[in-house]
Amino acid sequence: MTDAPRERPLSPHTTIWRWHLTMATSILHRASGCALYGGGLILAIWAMTLAAGPEAYGTFKAVMGSFPGKIVMFGLTLATFYHLAKGIQHLIWDAGHGYNLKTATMGAIATIAFAIAATLAVWIIAAMTGAL
């Protein structure tokens, strides 16, 4: 008789579960966290170019001020506000509240709505003040 490991059941996977809004927003929370790591790298590059002098900083400003750079910054703004809002919903869940399906779905909708509204507000204000 061998002591071979027993087959363990696999955890449910996205191919097994029926997709729903709270599942999608939870996955997007992880994705937005990963995007924020990229934002941290951009912040580090900003600091290095600032310390390197006016020429390096000018190049950084030119790259980030270009259309692709603005798209990246818009995405990072959206990721920041989304991650913040979804993190608050996770804190509410950690406190043992908001598990009712209707409440959880409304929280997911509120998370998305807040992220979009806050992102648009920041970018509109930036455009109005000449920061773009």
C-alpha atoms as a PDB file:
ATOM      1  CA  MET A   1       0.000   0.000   0.000  1.00  0.00           C
ATOM      2  CA  THR A   2       1.413   3.387  -1.026  1.00  0.00           C
ATOM      3  CA  ASP A   3       0.898   6.681   0.684  1.00  0.00           C
ATOM      4  CA  ALA A   4      -0.061   8.521  -2.494  1.00  0.00           C
ATOM      5  CA  PRO A   5      -1.690  11.908  -1.952  1.00  0.00           C
ATOM      6  CA  ARG A   6      -5.448  11.914  -2.246  1.00  0.00           C
ATOM      7  CA  GLU A   7      -7.156  13.938  -4.946  1.00  0.00           C
ATOM      8  CA  ARG A   8      -8.338  17.147  -3.327  1.00  0.00           C
ATOM      9  CA  PRO A   9     -11.355  18.987  -4.660  1.00  0.00           C
ATOM     10  CA  LEU A  10     -10.596  22.154  -6.571  1.00  0.00           C
ATOM     11  CA  SER A  11     -11.932  25.471  -5.393  1.00  0.00           C
ATOM     12  CA  PRO A  12     -14.747  26.898  -7.500  1.00  0.00           C
ATOM     13  CA  HIS A  13     -13.387  28.687 -10.516  1.00  0.00           C
ATOM     14  CA  THR A  14     -14.710  31.471 -12.731  1.00  0.00           C
ATOM     15  CA  THR A  15     -15.649  28.853 -15.328  1.00  0.00           C
ATOM     16  CA  ILE A  16     -17.967  27.161 -12.831  1.00  0.00           C
ATOM     17  CA  TRP A  17     -19.644  30.161 -11.222  1.00  0.00           C
ATOM     18  CA  ARG A  18     -22.305  32.188 -12.974  1.00  0.00           C
ATOM     19  CA  TRP A  19     -20.922  35.694 -13.441  1.00  0.00           C
ATOM     20  CA  HIS A  20     -22.591  38.440 -11.436  1.00  0.00           C
ATOM     21  CA  LEU A  21     -21.801  42.064 -10.656  1.00  0.00           C
ATOM     22  CA  THR A  22     -20.255  41.575  -7.222  1.00  0.00           C
ATOM     23  CA  MET A  23     -17.976  38.867  -8.603  1.00  0.00           C
ATOM     24  CA  ALA A  24     -16.851  41.100 -11.472  1.00  0.00           C
ATOM     25  CA  THR A  25     -16.251  44.084  -9.187  1.00  0.00           C
ATOM     26  CA  SER A  26     -14.254  41.954  -6.768  1.00  0.00           C
ATOM     27  CA  ILE A  27     -12.015  40.782  -9.616  1.00  0.00           C
ATOM     28  CA  LEU A  28     -11.708  44.375 -10.850  1.00  0.00           C
ATOM     29  CA  HIS A  29     -10.641  45.369  -7.331  1.00  0.00           C
ATOM     30  CA  ARG A  30      -7.662  43.066  -7.659  1.00  0.00           C
ATOM     31  CA  ALA A  31      -6.930  44.370 -11.165  1.00  0.00           C
ATOM     32  CA  SER A  32      -7.092  47.984 -10.001  1.00  0.00           C
ATOM     33  CA  GLY A  33      -4.648  47.142  -7.210  1.00  0.00           C
ATOM     34  CA  CYS A  34      -2.234  45.760  -9.801  1.00  0.00           C
ATOM     35  CA  ALA A  35      -2.667  48.916 -11.901  1.00  0.00           C
ATOM     36  CA  LEU A  36      -1.809  51.016  -8.857  1.00  0.00           C
ATOM     37  CA  TYR A  37       1.534  49.213  -8.635  1.00  0.00           C
ATOM     38  CA  GLY A  38       2.202  50.557 -12.132  1.00  0.00           C
ATOM     39  CA  GLY A  39       1.203  53.990 -10.872  1.00  0.00           C
ATOM     40  CA  GLY A  40       3.724  53.621  -8.075  1.00  0.00           C
ATOM     41  CA  LEU A  41       6.427  52.937 -10.654  1.00  0.00           C
ATOM     42  CA  ILE A  42       5.403  56.055 -12.588  1.00  0.00           C
ATOM     43  CA  LEU A  43       5.591  58.025  -9.340  1.00  0.00           C
ATOM     44  CA  ALA A  44       9.096  56.671  -8.704  1.00  0.00           C
ATOM     45  CA  ILE A  45      10.160  57.616 -12.242  1.00  0.00           C
ATOM     46  CA  TRP A  46       8.720  61.097 -11.668  1.00  0.00           C
ATOM     47  CA  ALA A  47      10.824  61.491  -8.514  1.00  0.00           C
ATOM     48  CA  MET A  48      13.973  60.229 -10.247  1.00  0.00           C
ATOM     49  CA  THR A  49      13.540  62.569 -13.219  1.00  0.00           C
ATOM     50  CA  LEU A  50      12.840  65.460 -10.877  1.00  0.00           C
ATOM     51  CA  ALA A  51      16.095  64.742  -9.061  1.00  0.00           C
ATOM     52  CA  ALA A  52      17.984  64.236 -12.336  1.00  0.00           C
ATOM     53  CA  GLY A  53      17.426  67.790 -13.480  1.00  0.00           C
ATOM     54  CA  PRO A  54      15.348  69.954 -15.808  1.00  0.00           C
ATOM     55  CA  GLU A  55      16.117  68.042 -19.002  1.00  0.00           C
ATOM     56  CA  ALA A  56      15.082  64.641 -17.619  1.00  0.00           C
ATOM     57  CA  TYR A  57      12.023  66.155 -15.951  1.00  0.00           C
ATOM     58  CA  GLY A  58      11.054  67.901 -19.195  1.00  0.00           C
ATOM     59  CA  THR A  59      11.197  64.574 -21.013  1.00  0.00           C
ATOM     60  CA  PHE A  60       9.015  62.973 -18.339  1.00  0.00           C
ATOM     61  CA  LYS A  61       6.490  65.811 -18.590  1.00  0.00           C
ATOM     62  CA  ALA A  62       6.434  65.475 -22.378  1.00  0.00           C
ATOM     63  CA  VAL A  63       5.766  61.737 -22.194  1.00  0.00           C
ATOM     64  CA  MET A  64       3.071  62.018 -19.521  1.00  0.00           C
ATOM     65  CA  GLY A  65       1.521  65.053 -21.244  1.00  0.00           C
ATOM     66  CA  SER A  66       1.149  63.204 -24.540  1.00  0.00           C
ATOM     67  CA  PHE A  67      -2.143  61.594 -25.517  1.00  0.00           C
ATOM     68  CA  PRO A  68      -1.031  58.066 -24.473  1.00  0.00           C
ATOM     69  CA  GLY A  69       0.354  59.487 -21.225  1.00  0.00           C
ATOM     70  CA  LYS A  70      -2.964  61.167 -20.471  1.00  0.00           C
ATOM     71  CA  ILE A  71      -4.802  57.906 -21.185  1.00  0.00           C
ATOM     72  CA  VAL A  72      -2.534  56.142 -18.671  1.00  0.00           C
ATOM     73  CA  MET A  73      -3.091  58.890 -16.086  1.00  0.00           C
ATOM     74  CA  PHE A  74      -6.871  58.786 -16.665  1.00  0.00           C
ATOM     75  CA  GLY A  75      -6.797  55.016 -16.136  1.00  0.00           C
ATOM     76  CA  LEU A  76      -4.749  55.411 -12.965  1.00  0.00           C
ATOM     77  CA  THR A  77      -7.184  58.028 -11.666  1.00  0.00           C
ATOM     78  CA  LEU A  78     -10.071  55.654 -12.326  1.00  0.00           C
ATOM     79  CA  ALA A  79      -8.185  52.748 -10.728  1.00  0.00           C
ATOM     80  CA  THR A  80      -7.425  54.856  -7.644  1.00  0.00           C
ATOM     81  CA  PHE A  81     -11.024  55.885  -7.047  1.00  0.00           C
ATOM     82  CA  TYR A  82     -12.352  52.415  -7.886  1.00  0.00           C
ATOM     83  CA  HIS A  83      -9.888  50.714  -5.535  1.00  0.00           C
ATOM     84  CA  LEU A  84     -10.773  53.189  -2.785  1.00  0.00           C
ATOM     85  CA  ALA A  85     -14.518  52.653  -3.123  1.00  0.00           C
ATOM     86  CA  LYS A  86     -14.299  48.879  -3.420  1.00  0.00           C
ATOM     87  CA  GLY A  87     -11.909  48.781  -0.464  1.00  0.00           C
ATOM     88  CA  ILE A  88     -14.524  50.575   1.621  1.00  0.00           C
ATOM     89  CA  GLN A  89     -17.127  48.008   0.559  1.00  0.00           C
ATOM     90  CA  HIS A  90     -14.705  45.232   1.567  1.00  0.00           C
ATOM     91  CA  LEU A  91     -14.239  46.902   4.968  1.00  0.00           C
ATOM     92  CA  ILE A  92     -18.015  46.925   5.410  1.00  0.00           C
ATOM     93  CA  TRP A  93     -18.104  43.245   4.530  1.00  0.00           C
ATOM     94  CA  ASP A  94     -15.246  42.593   6.979  1.00  0.00           C
ATOM     95  CA  ALA A  95     -17.418  44.160   9.680  1.00  0.00           C
ATOM     96  CA  GLY A  96     -20.096  41.568   8.863  1.00  0.00           C
ATOM     97  CA  HIS A  97     -22.510  43.866   7.041  1.00  0.00           C
ATOM     98  CA  GLY A  98     -23.772  44.166   3.492  1.00  0.00           C
ATOM     99  CA  TYR A  99     -23.881  40.489   2.560  1.00  0.00           C
ATOM    100  CA  ASN A 100     -27.525  40.574   1.501  1.00  0.00           C
ATOM    101  CA  LEU A 101     -27.573  40.060  -2.287  1.00  0.00           C
ATOM    102  CA  LYS A 102     -29.493  43.266  -2.947  1.00  0.00           C
ATOM    103  CA  THR A 103     -27.224  45.296  -0.640  1.00  0.00           C
ATOM    104  CA  ALA A 104     -24.054  43.806  -2.118  1.00  0.00           C
ATOM    105  CA  THR A 105     -25.252  44.524  -5.657  1.00  0.00           C
ATOM    106  CA  MET A 106     -26.154  48.109  -4.747  1.00  0.00           C
ATOM    107  CA  GLY A 107     -22.715  48.501  -3.176  1.00  0.00           C
ATOM    108  CA  ALA A 108     -21.093  47.284  -6.378  1.00  0.00           C
ATOM    109  CA  ILE A 109     -23.140  49.746  -8.437  1.00  0.00           C
ATOM    110  CA  ALA A 110     -22.246  52.559  -6.014  1.00  0.00           C
ATOM    111  CA  THR A 111     -18.563  51.628  -6.281  1.00  0.00           C
ATOM    112  CA  ILE A 112     -18.617  51.895 -10.067  1.00  0.00           C
ATOM    113  CA  ALA A 113     -20.666  55.101 -10.022  1.00  0.00           C
ATOM    114  CA  PHE A 114     -18.370  56.749  -7.476  1.00  0.00           C
ATOM    115  CA  ALA A 115     -15.222  55.798  -9.401  1.00  0.00           C
ATOM    116  CA  ILE A 116     -16.575  57.201 -12.664  1.00  0.00           C
ATOM    117  CA  ALA A 117     -18.009  60.383 -11.086  1.00  0.00           C
ATOM    118  CA  ALA A 118     -14.889  61.138  -9.030  1.00  0.00           C
ATOM    119  CA  THR A 119     -12.581  60.499 -11.994  1.00  0.00           C
ATOM    120  CA  LEU A 120     -14.602  62.759 -14.266  1.00  0.00           C
ATOM    121  CA  ALA A 121     -14.768  65.454 -11.575  1.00  0.00           C
ATOM    122  CA  VAL A 122     -10.987  65.440 -11.102  1.00  0.00           C
ATOM    123  CA  TRP A 123     -10.313  65.572 -14.843  1.00  0.00           C
ATOM    124  CA  ILE A 124     -12.905  68.301 -15.448  1.00  0.00           C
ATOM    125  CA  ILE A 125     -11.389  70.394 -12.655  1.00  0.00           C
ATOM    126  CA  ALA A 126      -7.908  69.751 -14.075  1.00  0.00           C
ATOM    127  CA  ALA A 127      -9.067  70.889 -17.525  1.00  0.00           C
ATOM    128  CA  MET A 128     -10.790  73.980 -16.102  1.00  0.00           C
ATOM    129  CA  THR A 129      -7.683  75.035 -14.173  1.00  0.00           C
ATOM    130  CA  GLY A 130      -5.324  74.478 -17.103  1.00  0.00           C
ATOM    131  CA  ALA A 131      -3.585  71.481 -15.552  1.00  0.00           C
ATOM    132  CA  LEU A 132      -4.036  69.430 -18.713  1.00  0.00           C
END
